[in-house]
Each structure stands twice: as C-alpha cells, then as structure tokens.
C-alpha cells in the first residue's frame, strides 16, 4: 500500500485500498497485489468488497477469481 491511499476494508482475510481512483486488494499471507474495481465483487458474486473481505468463503472465492483472471 502506498502513502496517500485510503483503506476501504482491512480484515483478517485481506485488505483493500483506493489509490488515486484505482482499487487494489491483497490477501492475508500473500504479497501479491491485485487491481480490481469497487463493484467487481458485486458483479461477480453479489457481495460488496467490504462484505467479501469480511467472510472467509467469499474472500477465497474472490481470490481464486482474481488469480485465474490474472494468470
């Protein structure tokens, strides 16, 4: 996370932040950072980003989605 970023969600499962209009997420136990959009989780899973990172199951589903999208 860079200076000047705004934390959107910070849970035991991951952290999401906004930096200059771009949204990023990193999952616990990983140094990998993924770029996403604020509504990508709603479009894919019908959960907000905050809801997704607040629950283990949706977090894992989102992580697999981002990993496959960026493979």
C-alpha atoms as a PDB file:
ATOM      1  CA  UNK A   1       0.000   0.000   0.000  1.00  0.00           C
ATOM      2  CA  UNK A   2       1.300   3.435  -0.892  1.00  0.00           C
ATOM      3  CA  UNK A   3       1.274   6.690   1.005  1.00  0.00           C
ATOM      4  CA  UNK A   4      -1.866   8.639   0.228  1.00  0.00           C
ATOM      5  CA  UNK A   5      -4.020   5.514  -0.081  1.00  0.00           C
ATOM      6  CA  UNK A   6      -7.408   5.178   1.572  1.00  0.00           C
ATOM      7  CA  UNK A   7      -8.195   1.856   3.233  1.00  0.00           C
ATOM      8  CA  UNK A   8     -11.587   0.534   2.113  1.00  0.00           C
ATOM      9  CA  UNK A   9     -11.544  -2.700   4.123  1.00  0.00           C
ATOM     10  CA  UNK A  10      -8.968  -4.284   6.421  1.00  0.00           C
ATOM     11  CA  UNK A  11      -9.827  -7.696   7.842  1.00  0.00           C
ATOM     12  CA  UNK A  12      -8.008 -10.850   8.852  1.00  0.00           C
ATOM     13  CA  UNK A  13      -8.686 -12.127   5.329  1.00  0.00           C
ATOM     14  CA  UNK A  14      -7.265  -9.238   3.324  1.00  0.00           C
ATOM     15  CA  UNK A  15      -7.017  -5.539   2.761  1.00  0.00           C
ATOM     16  CA  UNK A  16      -8.490  -3.334   0.055  1.00  0.00           C
ATOM     17  CA  UNK A  17      -7.456   0.226  -0.618  1.00  0.00           C
ATOM     18  CA  UNK A  18      -8.055   3.024  -3.082  1.00  0.00           C
ATOM     19  CA  UNK A  19      -5.157   4.999  -4.522  1.00  0.00           C
ATOM     20  CA  UNK A  20      -5.747   7.851  -6.987  1.00  0.00           C
ATOM     21  CA  UNK A  21      -9.059   6.407  -8.196  1.00  0.00           C
ATOM     22  CA  UNK A  22      -7.762   2.842  -8.562  1.00  0.00           C
ATOM     23  CA  UNK A  23      -8.756  -0.038  -6.260  1.00  0.00           C
ATOM     24  CA  UNK A  24      -6.328  -2.697  -5.022  1.00  0.00           C
ATOM     25  CA  UNK A  25      -6.629  -5.800  -2.875  1.00  0.00           C
ATOM     26  CA  UNK A  26      -4.117  -8.075  -1.172  1.00  0.00           C
ATOM     27  CA  UNK A  27      -4.997 -11.233   0.706  1.00  0.00           C
ATOM     28  CA  UNK A  28      -3.605 -12.303   4.080  1.00  0.00           C
ATOM     29  CA  UNK A  29      -0.462 -14.387   3.810  1.00  0.00           C
ATOM     30  CA  UNK A  30       0.358 -13.101   0.317  1.00  0.00           C
ATOM     31  CA  UNK A  31       2.461 -10.251  -1.013  1.00  0.00           C
ATOM     32  CA  UNK A  32       0.566 -10.253  -4.320  1.00  0.00           C
ATOM     33  CA  UNK A  33      -1.479  -7.132  -5.043  1.00  0.00           C
ATOM     34  CA  UNK A  34      -4.400  -7.279  -7.454  1.00  0.00           C
ATOM     35  CA  UNK A  35      -6.073  -4.337  -9.105  1.00  0.00           C
ATOM     36  CA  UNK A  36      -9.837  -4.537  -9.029  1.00  0.00           C
ATOM     37  CA  UNK A  37     -12.833  -2.247  -9.145  1.00  0.00           C
ATOM     38  CA  UNK A  38     -15.109  -1.353  -6.280  1.00  0.00           C
ATOM     39  CA  UNK A  39     -18.036  -3.092  -7.995  1.00  0.00           C
ATOM     40  CA  UNK A  40     -16.225  -6.167  -9.353  1.00  0.00           C
ATOM     41  CA  UNK A  41     -17.278  -8.316  -6.390  1.00  0.00           C
ATOM     42  CA  UNK A  42     -20.890  -7.185  -6.774  1.00  0.00           C
ATOM     43  CA  UNK A  43     -20.822  -8.016 -10.487  1.00  0.00           C
ATOM     44  CA  UNK A  44     -19.225 -11.434  -9.916  1.00  0.00           C
ATOM     45  CA  UNK A  45     -20.556 -12.596  -6.529  1.00  0.00           C
ATOM     46  CA  UNK A  46     -23.365 -10.256  -5.434  1.00  0.00           C
ATOM     47  CA  UNK A  47     -21.358  -9.088  -2.403  1.00  0.00           C
ATOM     48  CA  UNK A  48     -19.745  -5.701  -1.842  1.00  0.00           C
ATOM     49  CA  UNK A  49     -15.963  -5.625  -1.490  1.00  0.00           C
ATOM     50  CA  UNK A  50     -16.325  -4.993   2.250  1.00  0.00           C
ATOM     51  CA  UNK A  51     -18.716  -7.956   2.609  1.00  0.00           C
ATOM     52  CA  UNK A  52     -16.402 -10.164   0.557  1.00  0.00           C
ATOM     53  CA  UNK A  53     -13.337  -9.454   2.688  1.00  0.00           C
ATOM     54  CA  UNK A  54     -15.406  -9.845   5.839  1.00  0.00           C
ATOM     55  CA  UNK A  55     -16.059 -13.549   5.290  1.00  0.00           C
ATOM     56  CA  UNK A  56     -13.665 -16.426   4.608  1.00  0.00           C
ATOM     57  CA  UNK A  57     -15.738 -18.177   1.913  1.00  0.00           C
ATOM     58  CA  UNK A  58     -16.364 -15.143  -0.305  1.00  0.00           C
ATOM     59  CA  UNK A  59     -12.767 -13.991   0.213  1.00  0.00           C
ATOM     60  CA  UNK A  60     -11.428 -17.332  -1.043  1.00  0.00           C
ATOM     61  CA  UNK A  61     -13.827 -17.282  -3.983  1.00  0.00           C
ATOM     62  CA  UNK A  62     -12.704 -13.752  -4.912  1.00  0.00           C
ATOM     63  CA  UNK A  63      -9.033 -14.695  -4.526  1.00  0.00           C
ATOM     64  CA  UNK A  64      -9.430 -17.667  -6.899  1.00  0.00           C
ATOM     65  CA  UNK A  65     -11.289 -15.418  -9.342  1.00  0.00           C
ATOM     66  CA  UNK A  66      -8.518 -12.786  -9.339  1.00  0.00           C
ATOM     67  CA  UNK A  67      -5.779 -15.415  -9.583  1.00  0.00           C
ATOM     68  CA  UNK A  68      -7.427 -17.016 -12.639  1.00  0.00           C
ATOM     69  CA  UNK A  69      -8.155 -13.614 -14.194  1.00  0.00           C
ATOM     70  CA  UNK A  70      -4.510 -12.579 -13.858  1.00  0.00           C
ATOM     71  CA  UNK A  71      -2.940 -15.924 -14.816  1.00  0.00           C
END
